[in-house]
C-alpha atoms as a PDB file:
ATOM      1  CA  MET A   1      11.249 -17.931 -25.809  1.00  0.00           C
ATOM      2  CA  PRO A   2      10.736 -21.137 -23.872  1.00  0.00           C
ATOM      3  CA  ALA A   3      11.631 -24.201 -26.005  1.00  0.00           C
ATOM      4  CA  VAL A   4      12.559 -27.828 -26.101  1.00  0.00           C
ATOM      5  CA  ILE A   5      15.222 -29.267 -28.472  1.00  0.00           C
ATOM      6  CA  LYS A   6      13.413 -31.382 -31.085  1.00  0.00           C
ATOM      7  CA  GLY A   7      13.788 -35.082 -30.916  1.00  0.00           C
ATOM      8  CA  THR A   8      15.011 -35.108 -27.295  1.00  0.00           C
ATOM      9  CA  GLU A   9      11.754 -36.689 -25.983  1.00  0.00           C
ATOM     10  CA  ASN A  10      12.568 -39.935 -27.927  1.00  0.00           C
ATOM     11  CA  ASP A  11      15.812 -40.671 -26.066  1.00  0.00           C
ATOM     12  CA  GLY A  12      14.149 -43.273 -23.799  1.00  0.00           C
ATOM     13  CA  SER A  13      14.140 -41.172 -20.600  1.00  0.00           C
ATOM     14  CA  GLY A  14      10.833 -39.476 -21.416  1.00  0.00           C
ATOM     15  CA  ASP A  15      12.493 -36.124 -20.600  1.00  0.00           C
ATOM     16  CA  ARG A  16      12.839 -33.301 -23.028  1.00  0.00           C
ATOM     17  CA  VAL A  17      15.802 -30.883 -23.062  1.00  0.00           C
ATOM     18  CA  LEU A  18      14.580 -27.447 -22.060  1.00  0.00           C
ATOM     19  CA  ARG A  19      16.129 -24.356 -23.367  1.00  0.00           C
ATOM     20  CA  ILE A  20      15.404 -20.523 -23.184  1.00  0.00           C
ATOM     21  CA  HIS A  21      15.904 -19.848 -26.928  1.00  0.00           C
ATOM     22  CA  PHE A  22      16.884 -16.525 -28.451  1.00  0.00           C
ATOM     23  CA  PRO A  23      15.958 -16.948 -32.258  1.00  0.00           C
ATOM     24  CA  ASP A  24      17.608 -13.872 -33.274  1.00  0.00           C
ATOM     25  CA  LYS A  25      20.901 -15.010 -31.869  1.00  0.00           C
ATOM     26  CA  SER A  26      20.813 -18.517 -33.289  1.00  0.00           C
ATOM     27  CA  ASP A  27      21.698 -20.130 -36.599  1.00  0.00           C
ATOM     28  CA  SER A  28      19.861 -23.271 -35.833  1.00  0.00           C
ATOM     29  CA  ASN A  29      16.298 -22.233 -35.285  1.00  0.00           C
ATOM     30  CA  ASP A  30      15.023 -25.597 -36.811  1.00  0.00           C
ATOM     31  CA  ASN A  31      16.270 -27.550 -33.783  1.00  0.00           C
ATOM     32  CA  PHE A  32      13.926 -25.782 -31.399  1.00  0.00           C
ATOM     33  CA  GLU A  33      10.285 -26.273 -30.689  1.00  0.00           C
ATOM     34  CA  GLU A  34       8.615 -23.333 -28.949  1.00  0.00           C
ATOM     35  CA  ILE A  35       6.403 -24.162 -25.875  1.00  0.00           C
ATOM     36  CA  GLY A  36       4.407 -22.126 -23.473  1.00  0.00           C
ATOM     37  CA  TRP A  37       5.831 -20.729 -20.263  1.00  0.00           C
ATOM     38  CA  ASN A  38       3.387 -22.832 -18.153  1.00  0.00           C
ATOM     39  CA  GLU A  39       4.751 -26.059 -19.899  1.00  0.00           C
ATOM     40  CA  PHE A  40       8.282 -24.857 -19.511  1.00  0.00           C
ATOM     41  CA  LEU A  41       7.906 -24.200 -15.848  1.00  0.00           C
ATOM     42  CA  GLU A  42       6.094 -27.405 -15.081  1.00  0.00           C
ATOM     43  CA  GLU A  43       8.868 -29.503 -16.608  1.00  0.00           C
ATOM     44  CA  PHE A  44      11.494 -27.123 -14.990  1.00  0.00           C
ATOM     45  CA  ASP A  45      10.031 -27.918 -11.614  1.00  0.00           C
ATOM     46  CA  SER A  46       9.335 -31.624 -12.098  1.00  0.00           C
ATOM     47  CA  ASN A  47      12.842 -32.291 -13.389  1.00  0.00           C
ATOM     48  CA  LYS A  48      14.356 -30.230 -10.387  1.00  0.00           C
ATOM     49  CA  HIS A  49      16.156 -27.750 -12.628  1.00  0.00           C
ATOM     50  CA  THR A  50      17.646 -24.572 -11.459  1.00  0.00           C
ATOM     51  CA  LEU A  51      19.136 -21.731 -13.554  1.00  0.00           C
ATOM     52  CA  LEU A  52      22.892 -21.231 -13.176  1.00  0.00           C
ATOM     53  CA  HIS A  53      23.473 -17.532 -14.063  1.00  0.00           C
ATOM     54  CA  ASN A  54      26.871 -16.042 -14.960  1.00  0.00           C
ATOM     55  CA  PRO A  55      26.723 -12.387 -14.197  1.00  0.00           C
ATOM     56  CA  ASN A  56      29.924 -11.728 -16.259  1.00  0.00           C
ATOM     57  CA  GLY A  57      28.810 -13.233 -19.434  1.00  0.00           C
ATOM     58  CA  ASN A  58      25.922 -14.601 -21.413  1.00  0.00           C
ATOM     59  CA  LEU A  59      26.312 -18.262 -20.542  1.00  0.00           C
ATOM     60  CA  ASP A  60      23.504 -19.358 -18.478  1.00  0.00           C
ATOM     61  CA  LYS A  61      22.545 -22.917 -17.934  1.00  0.00           C
ATOM     62  CA  LEU A  62      19.608 -25.037 -16.695  1.00  0.00           C
ATOM     63  CA  VAL A  63      21.160 -27.612 -14.353  1.00  0.00           C
ATOM     64  CA  ASN A  64      19.724 -30.222 -11.968  1.00  0.00           C
ATOM     65  CA  ARG A  65      19.406 -29.095  -8.393  1.00  0.00           C
ATOM     66  CA  ASP A  66      20.592 -32.508  -6.911  1.00  0.00           C
END
């Protein structure tokens, strides 16, 4: 599910921390706010993110393209 970490929009930068959240694999569901895929992808593109995928594990990260 596309999500943001609650409270990160108030850090002064105006940007929210994006996550692809798997609620059934998390103990901290209260920290995430579900958003729609369109909103997620708009922020993903405007913040110049890319997905860093590890094919040998389950640690994928959203990182800045720059």
